[in-house]
Amino acid sequence: MITVSYPFPKILIPIDGSNAAHKALEWSAHLVRAGGGAIEKVTLLQVIGGGYLARHLHNVDLRVTRMDEVSAWRRMRQHYLDQEIMPLLEGGKLFLQEKGVSAPIETKVAEGMIGDEIIRFADEGGYNAIVMGRRGLSVVKGMLLGSVTRRVLSLARGLTVFVVGQEKAFDPACPLPSILLPVDGSKPSLEAVRQGAALVQEWIDCQPHLTLLHVIDFLKVGASLNAETTYLVKQGEEYLSAGSQILKEAGLEGLFTEKLLVGQPSRLIVEEAEEGHHALILMGARGLSSVKQLLLGSVSSDVLHRVPRALIGIVYH
């Protein structure tokens, strides 16, 4: 058996005091405890966004060019930090410690566009994972109004973004009884399999089950069984085989099954997740730009919208 190195030694947790952020803290505690001595850095981040500026802008003389030179503005900002931001961060830190996190936890504050600042902070700090709570926007609102989660997902590169549903419940003894691993042959999807294997190795005592799933897009399948369809089936089997090889090398033989289906990919992934009661959907992102994601969508973002209560990990590799 090959022990898979723990993939999340540096974890960034943006929080805002919401119930969604509380769920993100809960999952983060499990991730950190699973990592044990491999954990290098745990950071709680609060980004002060435009809402605070808008609420207080009427108190500032706009004829000045530098807001930070206005003494009234500095006092308001410091009061906000002391009375609201720092207690929130310290409360999150205390929650993690009460959940058994012994790794050092740092707290940071940033200002600006929230999604952009989260990604900037993650890139500069070399974080491997971002854990965020879902704020419950509908599909339409998420597309038309935007959201912090959507922005982070559109900008993320080289890390894994976990999005935790507001109603997600975790069994402390076995937070991941099952994992759904959709595979498509891409590097991110195979990295998702490796990360899934690493997590299962950490919780091996509760015998978690993994499902490797490949969905052949029905739009690519001809009306009758032809050479192209045969090729797609063979290709799907190869994708599943590559994933199963990773799991076997990790010593997880007997703990996973394979499924090859035909249909609309995101819909079948969602159906499998719900019917199988999977605790986590861990899948690769295909690297669409933010513009393409907005106009065309992607399987990962579509799944994210369709299963608002689940824990979903999107791997950018």
Protein backbone atom coordinates (compact mmCIF):
# COMPACT_ATOMS: atom_id res chain seq x y z
CA MET A 1 0.00 0.00 0.00
CA ILE A 2 1.17 3.51 -0.85
CA THR A 3 0.37 6.14 1.76
CA VAL A 4 -0.93 9.16 -0.11
CA SER A 5 0.56 12.37 1.23
CA TYR A 6 -2.02 14.60 2.89
CA PRO A 7 -3.12 17.07 0.21
CA PHE A 8 -4.19 19.98 2.42
CA PRO A 9 -1.32 21.13 4.66
CA LYS A 10 -2.33 24.79 4.25
CA ILE A 11 -6.03 25.55 4.73
CA LEU A 12 -7.70 28.94 4.29
CA ILE A 13 -11.12 29.50 5.87
CA PRO A 14 -12.94 32.74 4.93
CA ILE A 15 -15.64 33.49 7.52
CA ASP A 16 -18.34 36.14 7.90
CA GLY A 17 -20.35 35.11 10.95
CA SER A 18 -23.09 33.37 8.96
CA ASN A 19 -24.46 29.89 9.57
CA ALA A 20 -22.83 28.90 6.29
CA ALA A 21 -19.44 30.00 7.60
CA HIS A 22 -20.06 28.00 10.79
CA LYS A 23 -20.56 24.86 8.67
CA ALA A 24 -17.31 25.63 6.88
CA LEU A 25 -15.54 25.80 10.24
CA GLU A 26 -17.01 22.45 11.21
CA TRP A 27 -15.70 20.72 8.07
CA SER A 28 -12.35 22.51 8.42
CA ALA A 29 -11.96 21.05 11.89
CA HIS A 30 -12.31 17.54 10.43
CA LEU A 31 -9.80 18.32 7.67
CA VAL A 32 -7.24 19.71 10.08
CA ARG A 33 -7.54 16.85 12.56
CA ALA A 34 -7.23 14.33 9.72
CA GLY A 35 -4.03 16.03 8.54
CA GLY A 36 -2.40 15.73 11.95
CA GLY A 37 1.28 16.58 11.82
CA ALA A 38 1.09 17.33 8.08
CA ILE A 39 -0.79 20.57 8.76
CA GLU A 40 1.46 23.60 8.28
CA LYS A 41 -0.97 26.50 8.37
CA VAL A 42 -4.61 27.16 9.27
CA THR A 43 -5.86 30.68 8.60
CA LEU A 44 -9.18 32.33 9.37
CA LEU A 45 -9.76 35.22 6.99
CA GLN A 46 -12.29 38.04 7.22
CA VAL A 47 -12.56 40.30 4.18
CA ILE A 48 -14.07 43.73 4.73
CA GLY A 49 -16.04 44.32 1.56
CA GLY A 50 -17.81 47.22 -0.06
CA GLY A 51 -20.88 46.98 2.19
CA TYR A 52 -19.03 48.47 5.14
CA LEU A 53 -17.66 51.32 3.01
CA ALA A 54 -21.12 52.09 1.63
CA ARG A 55 -22.66 52.28 5.11
CA HIS A 56 -20.13 54.83 6.29
CA LEU A 57 -19.24 56.78 3.17
CA HIS A 58 -21.59 59.63 4.04
CA ASN A 59 -19.34 60.45 7.00
CA VAL A 60 -16.28 61.05 4.83
CA ASP A 61 -15.36 64.16 2.88
CA LEU A 62 -14.95 62.88 -0.68
CA ARG A 63 -12.78 65.87 -1.59
CA VAL A 64 -9.84 64.18 0.11
CA THR A 65 -7.90 61.75 -2.00
CA ARG A 66 -6.81 59.23 0.61
CA MET A 67 -9.45 57.71 2.85
CA ASP A 68 -6.84 56.36 5.26
CA GLU A 69 -5.69 59.90 6.00
CA VAL A 70 -9.08 60.92 7.39
CA SER A 71 -8.97 60.61 11.18
CA ALA A 72 -12.74 60.01 11.46
CA TRP A 73 -12.52 57.18 8.95
CA ARG A 74 -9.58 55.61 10.76
CA ARG A 75 -11.47 55.71 14.05
CA MET A 76 -14.58 54.12 12.51
CA ARG A 77 -12.51 51.42 10.86
CA GLN A 78 -10.63 50.61 14.06
CA HIS A 79 -13.87 50.49 16.04
CA TYR A 80 -15.32 48.08 13.45
CA LEU A 81 -12.22 45.88 13.68
CA ASP A 82 -12.20 45.87 17.48
CA GLN A 83 -15.91 45.39 18.05
CA GLU A 84 -16.98 43.14 15.18
CA ILE A 85 -14.16 41.63 13.12
CA MET A 86 -11.67 40.49 15.75
CA PRO A 87 -14.34 38.92 18.03
CA LEU A 88 -15.65 37.02 15.02
CA LEU A 89 -12.20 35.70 14.14
CA GLU A 90 -11.37 34.84 17.74
CA GLY A 91 -14.72 33.05 18.04
CA GLY A 92 -13.91 30.96 14.97
CA LYS A 93 -10.49 30.14 16.40
CA LEU A 94 -12.03 29.06 19.69
CA PHE A 95 -14.57 26.88 17.87
CA LEU A 96 -11.81 25.02 16.00
CA GLN A 97 -9.86 24.49 19.21
CA GLU A 98 -12.96 23.15 20.97
CA LYS A 99 -13.38 20.72 18.06
CA GLY A 100 -9.95 19.28 18.77
CA VAL A 101 -7.74 21.32 16.44
CA SER A 102 -4.30 21.56 17.99
CA ALA A 103 -2.47 23.08 15.01
CA PRO A 104 -1.61 26.78 15.23
CA ILE A 105 -4.42 28.99 13.92
CA GLU A 106 -3.79 32.48 12.61
CA THR A 107 -6.34 35.23 11.96
CA LYS A 108 -6.11 37.73 9.12
CA VAL A 109 -8.12 40.70 7.85
CA ALA A 110 -8.19 41.96 4.26
CA GLU A 111 -10.16 44.66 2.48
CA GLY A 112 -11.59 44.83 -1.03
CA MET A 113 -13.74 42.73 -3.35
CA ILE A 114 -14.38 39.67 -1.21
CA GLY A 115 -13.96 36.87 -3.78
CA ASP A 116 -10.92 38.51 -5.36
CA GLU A 117 -9.27 39.06 -1.98
CA ILE A 118 -9.82 35.45 -0.94
CA ILE A 119 -8.07 34.22 -4.10
CA ARG A 120 -5.28 36.79 -3.82
CA PHE A 121 -4.66 35.74 -0.22
CA ALA A 122 -4.75 32.04 -1.15
CA ASP A 123 -2.31 32.52 -4.04
CA GLU A 124 0.16 34.61 -2.07
CA GLY A 125 0.04 32.24 0.91
CA GLY A 126 0.39 29.06 -1.14
CA TYR A 127 -2.74 27.49 0.34
CA ASN A 128 -3.86 24.04 -0.82
CA ALA A 129 -7.52 24.33 0.16
CA ILE A 130 -10.18 26.96 0.67
CA VAL A 131 -13.19 25.97 2.78
CA MET A 132 -16.30 28.10 2.27
CA GLY A 133 -19.89 28.01 3.36
CA ARG A 134 -22.74 28.23 0.87
CA ARG A 135 -24.95 31.28 1.34
CA GLY A 136 -27.98 29.68 -0.34
CA LEU A 137 -28.34 31.74 -3.52
CA SER A 138 -30.65 30.28 -6.12
CA VAL A 139 -29.30 29.27 -9.53
CA VAL A 140 -30.74 32.43 -11.12
CA LYS A 141 -29.38 34.75 -8.44
CA GLY A 142 -26.03 33.02 -8.59
CA MET A 143 -25.84 33.66 -12.33
CA LEU A 144 -27.29 37.17 -12.51
CA LEU A 145 -26.09 38.75 -9.28
CA GLY A 146 -22.91 36.82 -8.74
CA SER A 147 -21.75 35.53 -5.36
CA VAL A 148 -18.54 35.24 -3.44
CA THR A 149 -18.52 31.48 -3.98
CA ARG A 150 -19.02 31.80 -7.71
CA ARG A 151 -16.27 34.40 -7.94
CA VAL A 152 -13.83 32.26 -5.98
CA LEU A 153 -14.59 29.22 -8.14
CA SER A 154 -14.09 31.21 -11.33
CA LEU A 155 -10.67 32.49 -10.20
CA ALA A 156 -9.32 29.45 -8.34
CA ARG A 157 -6.21 27.73 -9.67
CA GLY A 158 -3.92 25.06 -8.21
CA LEU A 159 -5.96 24.25 -5.11
CA THR A 160 -9.17 22.62 -3.90
CA VAL A 161 -12.24 24.63 -2.99
CA PHE A 162 -14.67 22.98 -0.57
CA VAL A 163 -18.20 24.39 -0.51
CA VAL A 164 -20.24 23.24 2.48
CA GLY A 165 -24.05 23.12 2.38
CA GLN A 166 -25.88 24.95 5.16
CA GLU A 167 -27.67 21.81 6.33
CA LYS A 168 -24.71 19.48 6.08
CA ALA A 169 -24.32 17.22 9.12
CA PHE A 170 -21.09 15.45 10.03
CA ASP A 171 -20.69 12.33 12.15
CA PRO A 172 -17.68 13.12 14.36
CA ALA A 173 -16.55 9.48 14.29
CA CYS A 174 -16.85 9.15 10.51
CA PRO A 175 -17.37 12.48 8.73
CA LEU A 176 -16.91 10.84 5.32
CA PRO A 177 -18.80 7.53 5.19
CA SER A 178 -18.89 7.76 1.39
CA ILE A 179 -17.33 9.81 -1.40
CA LEU A 180 -18.49 10.23 -5.00
CA LEU A 181 -15.60 10.68 -7.44
CA PRO A 182 -16.72 11.69 -10.95
CA VAL A 183 -13.86 11.09 -13.40
CA ASP A 184 -13.35 12.32 -16.94
CA GLY A 185 -9.71 11.50 -17.63
CA SER A 186 -8.49 15.01 -16.91
CA LYS A 187 -5.62 15.78 -14.54
CA PRO A 188 -7.93 17.57 -12.06
CA SER A 189 -10.31 14.60 -11.87
CA LEU A 190 -7.47 12.15 -11.23
CA GLU A 191 -6.08 14.52 -8.60
CA ALA A 192 -9.54 14.46 -7.01
CA VAL A 193 -9.28 10.66 -6.82
CA ARG A 194 -5.88 10.95 -5.11
CA GLN A 195 -7.26 13.45 -2.63
CA GLY A 196 -10.23 11.20 -1.97
CA ALA A 197 -7.83 8.30 -1.35
CA ALA A 198 -5.82 10.41 1.11
CA LEU A 199 -8.96 11.33 3.06
CA VAL A 200 -10.17 7.73 3.20
CA GLN A 201 -6.78 6.59 4.47
CA GLU A 202 -7.15 9.02 7.37
CA TRP A 203 -10.62 7.65 8.23
CA ILE A 204 -9.95 4.03 7.26
CA ASP A 205 -11.24 2.70 10.60
CA CYS A 206 -14.82 3.55 9.66
CA GLN A 207 -14.46 1.85 6.25
CA PRO A 208 -15.65 4.69 3.99
CA HIS A 209 -16.92 3.71 0.55
CA LEU A 210 -15.94 5.42 -2.69
CA THR A 211 -17.77 5.43 -6.01
CA LEU A 212 -15.90 6.14 -9.23
CA LEU A 213 -18.35 7.50 -11.78
CA HIS A 214 -17.95 8.33 -15.43
CA VAL A 215 -20.88 9.71 -17.41
CA ILE A 216 -20.80 9.53 -21.20
CA ASP A 217 -22.55 12.65 -22.45
CA PHE A 218 -25.66 11.45 -24.29
CA LEU A 219 -25.16 14.26 -26.84
CA LYS A 220 -22.06 12.42 -28.07
CA VAL A 221 -23.79 9.07 -28.41
CA GLY A 222 -25.25 8.19 -31.78
CA ALA A 223 -28.78 6.96 -32.31
CA SER A 224 -27.46 3.46 -32.76
CA LEU A 225 -24.44 1.58 -31.48
CA ASN A 226 -21.66 2.68 -33.82
CA ALA A 227 -17.90 3.01 -33.80
CA GLU A 228 -18.02 6.38 -32.04
CA THR A 229 -20.21 5.03 -29.25
CA THR A 230 -17.96 2.00 -28.84
CA TYR A 231 -14.98 4.33 -28.57
CA LEU A 232 -16.71 6.44 -25.89
CA VAL A 233 -17.46 3.34 -23.84
CA LYS A 234 -13.86 2.16 -24.12
CA GLN A 235 -12.63 5.63 -23.20
CA GLY A 236 -14.90 5.72 -20.16
CA GLU A 237 -13.61 2.33 -19.04
CA GLU A 238 -10.05 3.65 -19.32
CA TYR A 239 -10.92 6.66 -17.16
CA LEU A 240 -12.42 4.40 -14.51
CA SER A 241 -9.43 2.08 -14.69
CA ALA A 242 -7.03 4.97 -14.11
CA GLY A 243 -9.01 6.03 -11.06
CA SER A 244 -9.29 2.50 -9.69
CA GLN A 245 -5.54 2.02 -10.05
CA ILE A 246 -4.94 5.03 -7.80
CA LEU A 247 -7.31 3.62 -5.18
CA LYS A 248 -5.80 0.14 -5.36
CA GLU A 249 -2.28 1.50 -4.90
CA ALA A 250 -3.59 3.36 -1.83
CA GLY A 251 -4.71 0.03 -0.35
CA LEU A 252 -8.41 0.72 -0.82
CA GLU A 253 -9.35 -2.32 -2.89
CA GLY A 254 -12.74 -3.55 -1.78
CA LEU A 255 -13.77 -0.07 -0.64
CA PHE A 256 -14.86 1.28 -4.01
CA THR A 257 -17.16 0.56 -6.93
CA GLU A 258 -17.18 1.75 -10.53
CA LYS A 259 -20.12 3.04 -12.56
CA LEU A 260 -20.28 3.89 -16.27
CA LEU A 261 -23.48 5.69 -17.26
CA VAL A 262 -24.87 7.53 -20.27
CA GLY A 263 -26.81 10.76 -19.92
CA GLN A 264 -26.48 14.42 -19.01
CA PRO A 265 -23.32 14.46 -16.83
CA SER A 266 -24.24 16.94 -14.11
CA ARG A 267 -27.77 15.53 -13.72
CA LEU A 268 -26.53 11.96 -13.32
CA ILE A 269 -23.81 13.01 -10.90
CA VAL A 270 -26.44 14.72 -8.77
CA GLU A 271 -28.77 11.72 -8.94
CA GLU A 272 -25.97 9.36 -7.93
CA ALA A 273 -24.97 11.66 -5.07
CA GLU A 274 -28.52 11.77 -3.73
CA GLU A 275 -29.40 8.11 -4.26
CA GLY A 276 -26.09 6.94 -2.78
CA HIS A 277 -26.26 9.42 0.12
CA HIS A 278 -22.66 10.41 -0.54
CA ALA A 279 -21.13 12.65 2.12
CA LEU A 280 -18.78 14.34 -0.34
CA ILE A 281 -18.68 14.94 -4.08
CA LEU A 282 -15.03 15.47 -4.99
CA MET A 283 -14.44 16.32 -8.64
CA GLY A 284 -12.02 18.07 -10.94
CA ALA A 285 -12.60 21.40 -12.65
CA ARG A 286 -11.85 21.54 -16.35
CA GLY A 287 -10.32 25.00 -16.17
CA LEU A 288 -12.97 27.07 -17.93
CA SER A 289 -12.41 30.81 -17.76
CA SER A 290 -14.81 32.90 -15.69
CA VAL A 291 -16.42 34.18 -18.89
CA LYS A 292 -16.93 30.67 -20.27
CA GLN A 293 -18.32 29.50 -16.94
CA LEU A 294 -20.82 32.34 -17.00
CA LEU A 295 -21.91 31.80 -20.60
CA LEU A 296 -21.62 28.03 -20.99
CA GLY A 297 -21.60 26.71 -17.48
CA SER A 298 -19.57 23.67 -16.49
CA VAL A 299 -20.31 20.30 -14.98
CA SER A 300 -18.77 21.22 -11.62
CA SER A 301 -20.62 24.54 -11.29
CA ASP A 302 -23.87 22.92 -12.43
CA VAL A 303 -23.49 20.19 -9.78
CA LEU A 304 -22.77 22.88 -7.19
CA HIS A 305 -26.04 24.60 -8.00
CA ARG A 306 -28.09 21.40 -8.09
CA VAL A 307 -27.06 20.00 -4.70
CA PRO A 308 -27.20 22.94 -2.27
CA ARG A 309 -27.12 20.77 0.87
CA ALA A 310 -24.06 18.68 -0.02
CA LEU A 311 -20.37 19.02 0.66
CA ILE A 312 -18.63 19.52 -2.66
CA GLY A 313 -14.93 19.75 -3.39
CA ILE A 314 -13.77 21.23 -6.69
CA VAL A 315 -10.16 20.40 -7.52
CA TYR A 316 -8.14 22.85 -9.65
CA HIS A 317 -4.86 21.22 -10.63
